[in-house]
PDB file of N, CA and C in Angstrom:
ATOM      1  N   MET A   1       1.901  -9.284  -0.642  1.00  0.00           N
ATOM      2  CA  MET A   1       0.529  -8.970  -0.274  1.00  0.00           C
ATOM      3  C   MET A   1      -0.417  -9.462  -1.361  1.00  0.00           C
ATOM      4  N   ASP A   2      -1.608  -9.771  -0.961  1.00  0.00           N
ATOM      5  CA  ASP A   2      -2.590 -10.219  -1.933  1.00  0.00           C
ATOM      6  C   ASP A   2      -3.477  -9.056  -2.348  1.00  0.00           C
ATOM      7  N   ASN A   3      -4.385  -9.319  -3.252  1.00  0.00           N
ATOM      8  CA  ASN A   3      -5.292  -8.280  -3.734  1.00  0.00           C
ATOM      9  C   ASN A   3      -6.661  -8.387  -3.083  1.00  0.00           C
ATOM     10  N   THR A   4      -6.710  -8.844  -1.844  1.00  0.00           N
ATOM     11  CA  THR A   4      -7.955  -8.940  -1.112  1.00  0.00           C
ATOM     12  C   THR A   4      -8.525  -7.546  -0.899  1.00  0.00           C
ATOM     13  N   ALA A   5      -9.815  -7.426  -1.070  1.00  0.00           N
ATOM     14  CA  ALA A   5     -10.443  -6.116  -0.873  1.00  0.00           C
ATOM     15  C   ALA A   5     -10.394  -5.734   0.598  1.00  0.00           C
ATOM     16  N   ARG A   6     -10.135  -4.477   0.857  1.00  0.00           N
ATOM     17  CA  ARG A   6     -10.102  -3.954   2.219  1.00  0.00           C
ATOM     18  C   ARG A   6     -11.076  -2.788   2.321  1.00  0.00           C
ATOM     19  N   ARG A   7     -11.687  -2.673   3.463  1.00  0.00           N
ATOM     20  CA  ARG A   7     -12.643  -1.597   3.686  1.00  0.00           C
ATOM     21  C   ARG A   7     -11.905  -0.370   4.182  1.00  0.00           C
ATOM     22  N   ILE A   8     -12.171   0.756   3.562  1.00  0.00           N
ATOM     23  CA  ILE A   8     -11.580   2.027   3.960  1.00  0.00           C
ATOM     24  C   ILE A   8     -12.720   2.919   4.439  1.00  0.00           C
ATOM     25  N   VAL A   9     -12.615   3.415   5.636  1.00  0.00           N
ATOM     26  CA  VAL A   9     -13.646   4.297   6.177  1.00  0.00           C
ATOM     27  C   VAL A   9     -13.018   5.641   6.472  1.00  0.00           C
ATOM     28  N   ASP A  10     -13.569   6.659   5.879  1.00  0.00           N
ATOM     29  CA  ASP A  10     -13.113   8.019   6.122  1.00  0.00           C
ATOM     30  C   ASP A  10     -14.182   8.709   6.955  1.00  0.00           C
ATOM     31  N   GLU A  11     -13.971   8.754   8.257  1.00  0.00           N
ATOM     32  CA  GLU A  11     -14.968   9.331   9.146  1.00  0.00           C
ATOM     33  C   GLU A  11     -14.526  10.721   9.583  1.00  0.00           C
ATOM     34  N   PRO A  12     -15.441  11.643   9.620  1.00  0.00           N
ATOM     35  CA  PRO A  12     -15.090  12.995  10.043  1.00  0.00           C
ATOM     36  C   PRO A  12     -14.667  13.016  11.508  1.00  0.00           C
ATOM     37  N   GLU A  13     -13.776  13.944  11.831  1.00  0.00           N
ATOM     38  CA  GLU A  13     -13.312  14.102  13.199  1.00  0.00           C
ATOM     39  C   GLU A  13     -13.659  15.501  13.682  1.00  0.00           C
ATOM     40  N   GLY A  14     -13.397  15.751  14.927  1.00  0.00           N
ATOM     41  CA  GLY A  14     -13.608  17.072  15.487  1.00  0.00           C
ATOM     42  C   GLY A  14     -15.048  17.300  15.881  1.00  0.00           C
ATOM     43  N   PRO A  15     -15.489  18.558  15.852  1.00  0.00           N
ATOM     44  CA  PRO A  15     -16.822  18.886  16.361  1.00  0.00           C
ATOM     45  C   PRO A  15     -17.960  18.271  15.554  1.00  0.00           C
ATOM     46  N   PHE A  16     -17.673  17.826  14.329  1.00  0.00           N
ATOM     47  CA  PHE A  16     -18.730  17.261  13.497  1.00  0.00           C
ATOM     48  C   PHE A  16     -18.740  15.740  13.510  1.00  0.00           C
ATOM     49  N   ALA A  17     -17.877  15.125  14.317  1.00  0.00           N
ATOM     50  CA  ALA A  17     -17.815  13.665  14.386  1.00  0.00           C
ATOM     51  C   ALA A  17     -19.178  13.132  14.797  1.00  0.00           C
ATOM     52  N   GLY A  18     -19.657  12.168  14.067  1.00  0.00           N
ATOM     53  CA  GLY A  18     -20.953  11.574  14.355  1.00  0.00           C
ATOM     54  C   GLY A  18     -22.111  12.319  13.730  1.00  0.00           C
ATOM     55  N   ALA A  19     -21.934  13.587  13.400  1.00  0.00           N
ATOM     56  CA  ALA A  19     -23.015  14.375  12.810  1.00  0.00           C
ATOM     57  C   ALA A  19     -23.100  14.174  11.306  1.00  0.00           C
ATOM     58  N   VAL A  20     -21.984  13.798  10.703  1.00  0.00           N
ATOM     59  CA  VAL A  20     -21.932  13.601   9.261  1.00  0.00           C
ATOM     60  C   VAL A  20     -21.488  12.176   9.010  1.00  0.00           C
ATOM     61  N   SER A  21     -22.149  11.497   8.081  1.00  0.00           N
ATOM     62  CA  SER A  21     -21.755  10.118   7.814  1.00  0.00           C
ATOM     63  C   SER A  21     -20.440  10.091   7.050  1.00  0.00           C
ATOM     64  N   GLY A  22     -19.649   9.051   7.300  1.00  0.00           N
ATOM     65  CA  GLY A  22     -18.360   8.913   6.630  1.00  0.00           C
ATOM     66  C   GLY A  22     -18.508   8.285   5.265  1.00  0.00           C
ATOM     67  N   THR A  23     -17.417   8.250   4.534  1.00  0.00           N
ATOM     68  CA  THR A  23     -17.371   7.636   3.222  1.00  0.00           C
ATOM     69  C   THR A  23     -16.787   6.239   3.371  1.00  0.00           C
ATOM     70  N   VAL A  24     -17.428   5.261   2.787  1.00  0.00           N
ATOM     71  CA  VAL A  24     -16.935   3.890   2.838  1.00  0.00           C
ATOM     72  C   VAL A  24     -16.664   3.431   1.418  1.00  0.00           C
ATOM     73  N   SER A  25     -15.481   2.884   1.191  1.00  0.00           N
ATOM     74  CA  SER A  25     -15.162   2.334  -0.118  1.00  0.00           C
ATOM     75  C   SER A  25     -14.321   1.091   0.076  1.00  0.00           C
ATOM     76  N   TRP A  26     -14.132   0.349  -0.991  1.00  0.00           N
ATOM     77  CA  TRP A  26     -13.346  -0.878  -0.944  1.00  0.00           C
ATOM     78  C   TRP A  26     -12.162  -0.722  -1.871  1.00  0.00           C
ATOM     79  N   ALA A  27     -11.001  -1.211  -1.435  1.00  0.00           N
ATOM     80  CA  ALA A  27      -9.804  -1.082  -2.256  1.00  0.00           C
ATOM     81  C   ALA A  27      -8.923  -2.308  -2.063  1.00  0.00           C
ATOM     82  N   SER A  28      -8.240  -2.696  -3.121  1.00  0.00           N
ATOM     83  CA  SER A  28      -7.279  -3.794  -3.024  1.00  0.00           C
ATOM     84  C   SER A  28      -5.942  -3.230  -2.555  1.00  0.00           C
ATOM     85  N   ASP A  29      -5.034  -4.114  -2.164  1.00  0.00           N
ATOM     86  CA  ASP A  29      -3.696  -3.669  -1.770  1.00  0.00           C
ATOM     87  C   ASP A  29      -3.033  -2.903  -2.904  1.00  0.00           C
ATOM     88  N   ARG A  30      -3.224  -3.359  -4.131  1.00  0.00           N
ATOM     89  CA  ARG A  30      -2.632  -2.671  -5.277  1.00  0.00           C
ATOM     90  C   ARG A  30      -3.166  -1.248  -5.388  1.00  0.00           C
ATOM     91  N   GLU A  31      -4.469  -1.078  -5.184  1.00  0.00           N
ATOM     92  CA  GLU A  31      -5.051   0.261  -5.235  1.00  0.00           C
ATOM     93  C   GLU A  31      -4.551   1.131  -4.087  1.00  0.00           C
ATOM     94  N   LEU A  32      -4.385   0.532  -2.912  1.00  0.00           N
ATOM     95  CA  LEU A  32      -3.878   1.285  -1.772  1.00  0.00           C
ATOM     96  C   LEU A  32      -2.457   1.761  -2.022  1.00  0.00           C
ATOM     97  N   ARG A  33      -1.647   0.954  -2.678  1.00  0.00           N
ATOM     98  CA  ARG A  33      -0.264   1.346  -2.953  1.00  0.00           C
ATOM     99  C   ARG A  33      -0.193   2.554  -3.863  1.00  0.00           C
ATOM    100  N   ARG A  34      -1.193   2.756  -4.717  1.00  0.00           N
ATOM    101  CA  ARG A  34      -1.198   3.944  -5.563  1.00  0.00           C
ATOM    102  C   ARG A  34      -1.463   5.206  -4.754  1.00  0.00           C
ATOM    103  N   LEU A  35      -1.977   5.050  -3.543  1.00  0.00           N
ATOM    104  CA  LEU A  35      -2.258   6.190  -2.677  1.00  0.00           C
ATOM    105  C   LEU A  35      -1.082   6.531  -1.772  1.00  0.00           C
ATOM    106  N   VAL A  36      -0.030   5.717  -1.824  1.00  0.00           N
ATOM    107  CA  VAL A  36       1.091   5.859  -0.893  1.00  0.00           C
ATOM    108  C   VAL A  36       2.369   6.177  -1.654  1.00  0.00           C
ATOM    109  N   SER A  37       3.158   7.080  -1.102  1.00  0.00           N
ATOM    110  CA  SER A  37       4.520   7.334  -1.558  1.00  0.00           C
ATOM    111  C   SER A  37       5.415   7.272  -0.330  1.00  0.00           C
ATOM    112  N   VAL A  38       6.654   6.891  -0.532  1.00  0.00           N
ATOM    113  CA  VAL A  38       7.627   6.868   0.555  1.00  0.00           C
ATOM    114  C   VAL A  38       8.555   8.058   0.368  1.00  0.00           C
ATOM    115  N   VAL A  39       8.756   8.827   1.452  1.00  0.00           N
ATOM    116  CA  VAL A  39       9.670   9.963   1.429  1.00  0.00           C
ATOM    117  C   VAL A  39      10.774   9.661   2.428  1.00  0.00           C
ATOM    118  N   ILE A  40      12.013   9.702   1.952  1.00  0.00           N
ATOM    119  CA  ILE A  40      13.176   9.457   2.789  1.00  0.00           C
ATOM    120  C   ILE A  40      14.020  10.724   2.803  1.00  0.00           C
ATOM    121  N   VAL A  41      14.278  11.234   3.994  1.00  0.00           N
ATOM    122  CA  VAL A  41      15.153  12.394   4.142  1.00  0.00           C
ATOM    123  C   VAL A  41      16.562  11.864   4.344  1.00  0.00           C
ATOM    124  N   SER A  42      17.487  12.321   3.523  1.00  0.00           N
ATOM    125  CA  SER A  42      18.830  11.752   3.500  1.00  0.00           C
ATOM    126  C   SER A  42      19.894  12.808   3.717  1.00  0.00           C
ATOM    127  N   TYR A  43      20.826  12.492   4.603  1.00  0.00           N
ATOM    128  CA  TYR A  43      22.033  13.313   4.782  1.00  0.00           C
ATOM    129  C   TYR A  43      23.163  12.356   5.135  1.00  0.00           C
ATOM    130  N   ARG A  44      24.079  12.211   4.213  1.00  0.00           N
ATOM    131  CA  ARG A  44      25.197  11.291   4.400  1.00  0.00           C
ATOM    132  C   ARG A  44      24.713   9.896   4.811  1.00  0.00           C
ATOM    133  N   SER A  45      23.787   9.368   4.048  1.00  0.00           N
ATOM    134  CA  SER A  45      23.171   8.088   4.409  1.00  0.00           C
ATOM    135  C   SER A  45      23.456   6.976   3.411  1.00  0.00           C
ATOM    136  N   VAL A  46      24.524   7.110   2.631  1.00  0.00           N
ATOM    137  CA  VAL A  46      24.822   6.110   1.609  1.00  0.00           C
ATOM    138  C   VAL A  46      24.973   4.710   2.212  1.00  0.00           C
ATOM    139  N   GLY A  47      25.403   4.616   3.464  1.00  0.00           N
ATOM    140  CA  GLY A  47      25.596   3.321   4.104  1.00  0.00           C
ATOM    141  C   GLY A  47      24.315   2.573   4.414  1.00  0.00           C
ATOM    142  N   VAL A  48      23.195   3.267   4.535  1.00  0.00           N
ATOM    143  CA  VAL A  48      21.924   2.623   4.889  1.00  0.00           C
ATOM    144  C   VAL A  48      20.820   2.837   3.846  1.00  0.00           C
ATOM    145  N   LEU A  49      21.056   3.753   2.932  1.00  0.00           N
ATOM    146  CA  LEU A  49      20.020   4.122   1.966  1.00  0.00           C
ATOM    147  C   LEU A  49      19.655   2.976   1.025  1.00  0.00           C
ATOM    148  N   GLY A  50      20.639   2.217   0.589  1.00  0.00           N
ATOM    149  CA  GLY A  50      20.358   1.107  -0.324  1.00  0.00           C
ATOM    150  C   GLY A  50      19.400   0.098   0.278  1.00  0.00           C
ATOM    151  N   GLU A  51      19.615  -0.255   1.532  1.00  0.00           N
ATOM    152  CA  GLU A  51      18.732  -1.207   2.211  1.00  0.00           C
ATOM    153  C   GLU A  51      17.329  -0.626   2.386  1.00  0.00           C
ATOM    154  N   ALA A  52      17.258   0.653   2.717  1.00  0.00           N
ATOM    155  CA  ALA A  52      15.957   1.307   2.875  1.00  0.00           C
ATOM    156  C   ALA A  52      15.188   1.308   1.560  1.00  0.00           C
ATOM    157  N   LEU A  53      15.861   1.643   0.464  1.00  0.00           N
ATOM    158  CA  LEU A  53      15.206   1.663  -0.849  1.00  0.00           C
ATOM    159  C   LEU A  53      14.771   0.267  -1.277  1.00  0.00           C
ATOM    160  N   ALA A  54      15.592  -0.732  -0.986  1.00  0.00           N
ATOM    161  CA  ALA A  54      15.264  -2.111  -1.364  1.00  0.00           C
ATOM    162  C   ALA A  54      14.068  -2.652  -0.589  1.00  0.00           C
ATOM    163  N   SER A  55      13.768  -2.062   0.563  1.00  0.00           N
ATOM    164  CA  SER A  55      12.647  -2.556   1.374  1.00  0.00           C
ATOM    165  C   SER A  55      11.291  -2.056   0.891  1.00  0.00           C
ATOM    166  N   VAL A  56      11.277  -1.116  -0.040  1.00  0.00           N
ATOM    167  CA  VAL A  56      10.029  -0.553  -0.545  1.00  0.00           C
ATOM    168  C   VAL A  56       9.566  -1.381  -1.748  1.00  0.00           C
ATOM    169  N   PRO A  57       8.298  -1.820  -1.764  1.00  0.00           N
ATOM    170  CA  PRO A  57       7.792  -2.558  -2.928  1.00  0.00           C
ATOM    171  C   PRO A  57       7.986  -1.760  -4.215  1.00  0.00           C
ATOM    172  N   GLY A  58       8.265  -2.449  -5.295  1.00  0.00           N
ATOM    173  CA  GLY A  58       8.614  -1.807  -6.558  1.00  0.00           C
ATOM    174  C   GLY A  58       7.567  -0.900  -7.153  1.00  0.00           C
ATOM    175  N   ASP A  59       6.305  -1.091  -6.794  1.00  0.00           N
ATOM    176  CA  ASP A  59       5.258  -0.254  -7.381  1.00  0.00           C
ATOM    177  C   ASP A  59       4.900   0.955  -6.507  1.00  0.00           C
ATOM    178  N   VAL A  60       5.668   1.194  -5.455  1.00  0.00           N
ATOM    179  CA  VAL A  60       5.438   2.349  -4.584  1.00  0.00           C
ATOM    180  C   VAL A  60       6.471   3.425  -4.925  1.00  0.00           C
ATOM    181  N   PRO A  61       6.026   4.625  -5.283  1.00  0.00           N
ATOM    182  CA  PRO A  61       6.966   5.692  -5.615  1.00  0.00           C
ATOM    183  C   PRO A  61       7.789   6.116  -4.400  1.00  0.00           C
ATOM    184  N   VAL A  62       9.075   6.396  -4.635  1.00  0.00           N
ATOM    185  CA  VAL A  62       9.975   6.821  -3.571  1.00  0.00           C
ATOM    186  C   VAL A  62      10.551   8.190  -3.922  1.00  0.00           C
ATOM    187  N   ILE A  63      10.514   9.085  -2.950  1.00  0.00           N
ATOM    188  CA  ILE A  63      11.118  10.407  -3.081  1.00  0.00           C
ATOM    189  C   ILE A  63      12.206  10.497  -2.024  1.00  0.00           C
ATOM    190  N   VAL A  64      13.412  10.812  -2.449  1.00  0.00           N
ATOM    191  CA  VAL A  64      14.523  10.995  -1.517  1.00  0.00           C
ATOM    192  C   VAL A  64      14.849  12.486  -1.472  1.00  0.00           C
ATOM    193  N   VAL A  65      14.780  13.049  -0.281  1.00  0.00           N
ATOM    194  CA  VAL A  65      15.135  14.447  -0.073  1.00  0.00           C
ATOM    195  C   VAL A  65      16.601  14.455   0.332  1.00  0.00           C
ATOM    196  N   ASP A  66      17.460  14.892  -0.581  1.00  0.00           N
ATOM    197  CA  ASP A  66      18.900  14.894  -0.341  1.00  0.00           C
ATOM    198  C   ASP A  66      19.294  16.231   0.268  1.00  0.00           C
ATOM    199  N   ASN A  67      19.827  16.166   1.466  1.00  0.00           N
ATOM    200  CA  ASN A  67      20.238  17.390   2.167  1.00  0.00           C
ATOM    201  C   ASN A  67      21.684  17.758   1.880  1.00  0.00           C
ATOM    202  N   GLU A  68      22.094  17.535   0.649  1.00  0.00           N
ATOM    203  CA  GLU A  68      23.399  17.934   0.135  1.00  0.00           C
ATOM    204  C   GLU A  68      24.574  17.405   0.950  1.00  0.00           C
ATOM    205  N   GLY A  69      24.465  16.135   1.383  1.00  0.00           N
ATOM    206  CA  GLY A  69      25.616  15.496   1.999  1.00  0.00           C
ATOM    207  C   GLY A  69      26.695  15.303   0.935  1.00  0.00           C
ATOM    208  N   LEU A  70      27.908  15.080   1.351  1.00  0.00           N
ATOM    209  CA  LEU A  70      29.008  14.977   0.397  1.00  0.00           C
ATOM    210  C   LEU A  70      29.249  13.554  -0.087  1.00  0.00           C
ATOM    211  N   ASP A  71      28.384  12.623   0.297  1.00  0.00           N
ATOM    212  CA  ASP A  71      28.541  11.244  -0.160  1.00  0.00           C
ATOM    213  C   ASP A  71      27.710  11.008  -1.425  1.00  0.00           C
ATOM    214  N   ALA A  72      27.567   9.780  -1.821  1.00  0.00           N
ATOM    215  CA  ALA A  72      26.878   9.437  -3.071  1.00  0.00           C
ATOM    216  C   ALA A  72      25.427   9.028  -2.851  1.00  0.00           C
ATOM    217  N   SER A  73      24.791   9.539  -1.801  1.00  0.00           N
ATOM    218  CA  SER A  73      23.399   9.170  -1.505  1.00  0.00           C
ATOM    219  C   SER A  73      22.455   9.506  -2.663  1.00  0.00           C
ATOM    220  N   ALA A  74      22.574  10.696  -3.210  1.00  0.00           N
ATOM    221  CA  ALA A  74      21.685  11.108  -4.299  1.00  0.00           C
ATOM    222  C   ALA A  74      21.861  10.217  -5.522  1.00  0.00           C
ATOM    223  N   GLN A  75      23.098   9.885  -5.867  1.00  0.00           N
ATOM    224  CA  GLN A  75      23.353   9.032  -7.027  1.00  0.00           C
ATOM    225  C   GLN A  75      22.819   7.621  -6.790  1.00  0.00           C
ATOM    226  N   LEU A  76      22.966   7.123  -5.568  1.00  0.00           N
ATOM    227  CA  LEU A  76      22.448   5.802  -5.227  1.00  0.00           C
ATOM    228  C   LEU A  76      20.930   5.771  -5.356  1.00  0.00           C
ATOM    229  N   ALA A  77      20.270   6.804  -4.847  1.00  0.00           N
ATOM    230  CA  ALA A  77      18.807   6.882  -4.917  1.00  0.00           C
ATOM    231  C   ALA A  77      18.329   6.953  -6.367  1.00  0.00           C
ATOM    232  N   GLU A  78      18.976   7.766  -7.175  1.00  0.00           N
ATOM    233  CA  GLU A  78      18.598   7.877  -8.587  1.00  0.00           C
ATOM    234  C   GLU A  78      18.784   6.550  -9.307  1.00  0.00           C
ATOM    235  N   ALA A  79      19.884   5.853  -9.013  1.00  0.00           N
ATOM    236  CA  ALA A  79      20.151   4.559  -9.648  1.00  0.00           C
ATOM    237  C   ALA A  79      19.101   3.523  -9.255  1.00  0.00           C
ATOM    238  N   ALA A  80      18.516   3.686  -8.075  1.00  0.00           N
ATOM    239  CA  ALA A  80      17.479   2.754  -7.604  1.00  0.00           C
ATOM    240  C   ALA A  80      16.090   3.129  -8.128  1.00  0.00           C
ATOM    241  N   GLY A  81      16.008   4.237  -8.865  1.00  0.00           N
ATOM    242  CA  GLY A  81      14.729   4.642  -9.451  1.00  0.00           C
ATOM    243  C   GLY A  81      13.939   5.648  -8.638  1.00  0.00           C
ATOM    244  N   ALA A  82      14.516   6.153  -7.563  1.00  0.00           N
ATOM    245  CA  ALA A  82      13.821   7.134  -6.733  1.00  0.00           C
ATOM    246  C   ALA A  82      13.906   8.521  -7.374  1.00  0.00           C
ATOM    247  N   THR A  83      12.930   9.345  -7.047  1.00  0.00           N
ATOM    248  CA  THR A  83      12.993  10.748  -7.425  1.00  0.00           C
ATOM    249  C   THR A  83      13.787  11.472  -6.349  1.00  0.00           C
ATOM    250  N   VAL A  84      14.797  12.226  -6.756  1.00  0.00           N
ATOM    251  CA  VAL A  84      15.655  12.925  -5.794  1.00  0.00           C
ATOM    252  C   VAL A  84      15.398  14.417  -5.900  1.00  0.00           C
ATOM    253  N   ILE A  85      15.140  15.038  -4.741  1.00  0.00           N
ATOM    254  CA  ILE A  85      14.967  16.491  -4.708  1.00  0.00           C
ATOM    255  C   ILE A  85      15.919  17.073  -3.685  1.00  0.00           C
TER     256      ILE A  85
END
């Protein structure tokens, strides 16, 4: 991805939609990535977890929720730099 500026519009929803003006700001892809984290729920997923972790850009934080499967999913996630809970 490039660092082209993107427009972000936060417009109110619900009964006040249109009554209150939204917030408009500009952000690059790099700035947007700081607003995003990836959460992966894992249970006996060692066979697919490595590919899933590798698909996430390196500057995006990853949290793996390990549901205490008996495989090495948690160790794999930690070795890949993810936070495991």
